[in-house]
Protein backbone atom coordinates (compact mmCIF):
# COMPACT_ATOMS: atom_id res chain seq x y z
CA MET A 1 -139.95 49.74 90.24
CA HIS A 2 -137.04 48.90 92.51
CA GLY A 3 -133.62 48.62 90.89
CA LEU A 4 -131.97 45.24 90.50
CA VAL A 5 -129.54 46.10 93.29
CA GLU A 6 -132.40 46.76 95.72
CA LEU A 7 -134.26 43.59 94.71
CA LEU A 8 -131.20 41.43 95.16
CA THR A 9 -129.73 43.11 98.25
CA ARG A 10 -133.05 42.80 100.05
CA ARG A 11 -132.19 39.10 100.03
CA ARG A 12 -128.68 40.05 101.33
CA LEU A 13 -127.07 39.02 98.08
CA GLY A 14 -126.12 41.82 95.78
CA GLY A 15 -125.88 41.97 92.02
CA ALA A 16 -124.24 40.21 89.15
CA ALA A 17 -122.24 41.14 86.04
CA LEU A 18 -122.02 41.30 82.09
CA VAL A 19 -118.20 41.06 81.40
CA LEU A 20 -115.03 42.45 80.02
CA ALA A 21 -114.39 40.41 76.89
CA GLY A 22 -112.32 37.26 77.13
CA LEU A 23 -111.55 35.84 80.62
CA VAL A 24 -112.26 32.27 82.49
CA VAL A 25 -111.67 28.44 82.48
CA ALA A 26 -114.08 26.05 84.34
CA GLY A 27 -114.45 22.57 85.78
CA VAL A 28 -117.97 21.31 86.45
CA VAL A 29 -119.20 18.93 89.15
CA LEU A 30 -122.79 17.95 89.91
CA TRP A 31 -124.17 19.16 93.21
CA PRO A 32 -126.90 16.69 94.28
CA VAL A 33 -130.03 17.49 96.25
CA VAL A 34 -132.25 14.85 97.89
CA ARG A 35 -135.82 14.68 96.55
CA GLY A 36 -138.84 13.86 98.69
CA ASP A 37 -140.58 10.46 98.85
CA ASP A 38 -143.30 11.58 96.46
CA GLU A 39 -140.70 12.33 93.78
CA GLY A 40 -139.01 8.99 93.30
CA GLY A 41 -138.65 7.46 96.73
CA ALA A 42 -136.63 8.13 99.82
CA GLY A 43 -133.02 8.92 99.18
CA ALA A 44 -133.43 9.36 95.40
CA ARG A 45 -130.87 11.87 94.18
CA GLU A 46 -131.24 14.32 91.36
CA PRO A 47 -128.59 16.82 90.36
CA ALA A 48 -130.26 20.15 91.19
CA ALA A 49 -127.34 22.40 90.40
CA ARG A 50 -123.93 22.39 88.83
CA LEU A 51 -120.89 23.53 90.74
CA VAL A 52 -118.37 25.49 88.68
CA ALA A 53 -114.90 25.64 90.20
CA VAL A 54 -112.03 27.63 88.73
CA PRO A 55 -109.08 26.76 91.01
CA ASP A 56 -106.47 28.61 88.92
CA LEU A 57 -108.38 31.87 89.46
CA GLY A 58 -109.61 31.14 92.97
CA TYR A 59 -113.39 31.13 92.76
CA ALA A 60 -116.39 28.84 92.52
CA PHE A 61 -120.18 29.12 92.27
CA ALA A 62 -123.24 26.94 91.67
CA HIS A 63 -126.03 27.44 89.14
CA PRO A 64 -129.35 25.70 88.35
CA ARG A 65 -128.79 22.70 86.08
CA ASP A 66 -131.30 23.99 83.50
CA TRP A 67 -129.23 27.13 82.90
CA THR A 68 -126.79 26.76 80.00
CA ARG A 69 -123.11 27.44 80.54
CA THR A 70 -120.55 28.41 77.93
CA VAL A 71 -116.89 29.29 78.26
CA SER A 72 -115.27 31.80 75.93
CA GLY A 73 -111.62 32.41 76.65
CA ARG A 74 -111.58 33.17 80.37
CA VAL A 75 -115.24 34.22 80.66
CA ILE A 76 -118.00 31.92 81.93
CA ARG A 77 -121.45 32.84 80.64
CA LEU A 78 -124.70 31.51 82.13
CA ARG A 79 -128.05 31.84 80.37
CA SER A 80 -131.48 31.13 81.84
CA PRO A 81 -133.66 28.49 80.10
CA ASP A 82 -135.93 31.19 78.60
CA ARG A 83 -132.80 33.13 77.49
CA SER A 84 -134.05 36.29 79.25
CA THR A 85 -131.24 36.48 81.80
CA VAL A 86 -127.48 36.31 81.21
CA MET A 87 -124.73 36.26 83.83
CA THR A 88 -120.99 36.35 83.29
CA PHE A 89 -118.11 35.57 85.63
CA ALA A 90 -114.49 36.59 85.08
CA SER A 91 -111.27 37.47 86.83
CA PRO A 92 -109.71 40.07 84.52
CA ALA A 93 -106.84 41.24 86.74
CA PRO A 94 -104.39 39.88 89.29
CA GLY A 95 -104.19 41.63 92.64
CA ARG A 96 -106.42 44.40 93.92
CA GLU A 97 -107.70 46.42 90.94
CA PRO A 98 -111.41 47.00 91.67
CA ARG A 99 -111.57 50.63 90.52
CA ARG A 100 -109.75 49.94 87.25
CA VAL A 101 -111.89 46.85 86.50
CA LYS A 102 -115.10 48.68 87.42
CA ALA A 103 -114.20 51.63 85.17
CA ALA A 104 -113.46 49.30 82.23
CA LEU A 105 -116.67 47.37 82.86
CA LYS A 106 -118.71 50.59 83.04
CA LYS A 107 -117.24 51.82 79.75
CA ALA A 108 -117.95 48.48 78.03
CA LEU A 109 -121.54 48.36 79.30
CA MET A 110 -122.28 51.98 78.41
CA ASN A 111 -120.97 51.39 74.87
CA SER A 112 -122.76 48.09 74.29
CA LEU A 113 -126.14 49.21 75.71
CA LYS A 114 -126.40 52.63 74.01
CA PRO A 115 -128.24 54.77 74.78
CA ALA A 116 -127.48 53.86 78.38
CA THR A 117 -127.95 55.53 81.75
CA VAL A 118 -126.26 54.79 85.08
CA ILE A 119 -129.04 54.13 87.59
CA ARG A 120 -126.83 53.42 90.58
CA ASP A 121 -123.08 53.50 91.27
CA GLY A 122 -121.87 52.59 94.74
CA PRO A 123 -121.30 49.77 97.19
CA GLY A 124 -123.31 46.58 96.84
CA ARG A 125 -123.51 43.13 98.43
CA LEU A 126 -122.27 39.75 97.25
CA GLY A 127 -123.31 37.31 99.97
CA ASP A 128 -121.81 38.74 103.15
CA ARG A 129 -119.21 40.82 101.28
CA THR A 130 -119.42 44.54 100.46
CA VAL A 131 -118.35 45.01 96.83
CA GLU A 132 -118.19 47.68 94.14
CA SER A 133 -121.46 47.75 92.16
CA LEU A 134 -122.97 49.51 89.20
CA GLU A 135 -126.46 49.35 87.66
CA ILE A 136 -127.15 50.53 84.11
CA SER A 137 -130.34 50.81 82.06
CA GLY A 138 -129.94 50.60 78.29
CA PHE A 139 -130.94 48.85 75.08
CA ALA A 140 -129.99 45.51 73.52
CA ALA A 141 -131.36 43.65 70.50
CA ALA A 142 -134.34 42.45 72.57
CA GLY A 143 -135.24 45.98 73.75
CA ARG A 144 -134.75 47.78 77.07
CA VAL A 145 -132.50 45.91 79.52
CA ARG A 146 -130.84 46.38 82.86
CA ALA A 147 -127.26 45.46 83.66
CA LEU A 148 -125.90 44.97 87.13
CA ALA A 149 -122.15 44.67 87.69
CA LEU A 150 -120.29 43.59 90.81
CA VAL A 151 -116.55 43.89 91.24
CA GLU A 152 -114.76 42.22 94.15
CA ASP A 153 -111.10 41.77 94.93
CA THR A 154 -108.93 39.61 97.15
CA ARG A 155 -105.20 40.00 97.69
CA HIS A 156 -104.74 37.57 94.80
CA ARG A 157 -107.22 38.64 92.08
CA THR A 158 -110.02 41.02 91.06
CA TYR A 159 -113.35 39.50 89.96
CA ALA A 160 -116.20 40.81 87.81
CA ILE A 161 -119.73 39.43 87.76
CA THR A 162 -122.40 40.87 85.49
CA LEU A 163 -126.14 40.31 85.17
CA LEU A 164 -128.21 41.32 82.15
CA THR A 165 -132.01 41.11 82.47
CA PRO A 166 -135.11 42.49 80.82
CA ARG A 167 -136.29 45.77 82.30
CA ARG A 168 -138.71 43.85 84.53
CA PRO A 169 -137.25 40.41 85.28
CA SER A 170 -139.51 37.69 86.70
CA ARG A 171 -139.41 36.87 90.40
CA LYS A 172 -138.33 33.35 89.51
CA ARG A 173 -135.28 34.59 87.61
CA LEU A 174 -134.36 37.04 90.38
CA ALA A 175 -134.61 34.22 92.94
CA GLU A 176 -132.34 32.01 90.81
CA VAL A 177 -129.84 34.85 90.39
CA ALA A 178 -129.88 35.45 94.15
CA GLN A 179 -129.09 31.76 94.75
CA ILE A 180 -126.24 31.84 92.24
CA LEU A 181 -124.75 34.96 93.81
CA ASP A 182 -125.13 33.53 97.31
CA SER A 183 -123.07 30.50 96.23
CA VAL A 184 -120.02 32.50 95.07
CA VAL A 185 -116.87 31.62 97.02
CA PHE A 186 -113.38 33.11 96.64
CA THR A 187 -110.31 31.05 97.52
CA THR A 188 -106.57 31.28 97.16
CA PRO A 189 -105.79 30.51 93.49
CA ALA A 190 -104.00 27.22 92.80
CA ARG A 191 -100.61 27.35 91.11
CA LYS A 192 -99.85 25.32 87.99
CA ASP A 193 -98.25 22.64 90.19
CA GLY A 194 -101.57 22.24 92.05
CA LYS A 195 -100.43 24.00 95.23
CA ARG A 196 -102.07 27.11 96.61
CA ALA A 197 -100.43 30.47 95.92
CA PRO A 198 -98.88 32.11 99.02
C-alpha cells in the first residue's frame, strides 16, 4: 500500500497533521457552491464548505460542511462524519521554526501512538509549497493508524497540520483531505488593531 504522503502528493497536495497540544482561534464563514437545476432549481445555493480564517495567525482553509470542527486553545480540530479521520491545524511558533516544531511534533506523535514507526521523513507538498513532512504508523484506541504531519513556515509564523487516519483510509476521505489541504492559504498575520503586521 502506498503511504499517505504518496497518495496525497500524487494529487499535488501533500499531507496533513495531528498537533502539538493547545494552539488556534477561528472565525467561520460559509462558502457557497451553486447546485444544478435538478437539485433545487437554477441558482439555488447550498453551503458546501466552511471557510475557517484565523487572521491573527495568518492562515485560512476550507473544509466540507459535514465535518465537525472544534477549537481547543489555539488548535483547530476537524473530524470526518464517520469519525475515522482527524485533522488538526495550529501555529505553535512565531517566525521560522520548522525544524524545532517538526521535532516536537514527531516526539508527541511517537509517544501518543506507541508502538510507533517512522515510515517517511522528508520534504512533502502542501498545494504548490514544499514543506517539511513526516509519516508515522502506530496504534490508537481504534487500532492501527497512520499519522501524517506537515510543517510550513513564513517569515511571520510556523504552522503545523496533522492528519490521523485508519491504516487504510477510504478514497472518499483521502479526496476530502486533499481538498482541505489544497485550500490552505498563508497570509500576513493581522495585528490586534486590525492592521497587517510588517
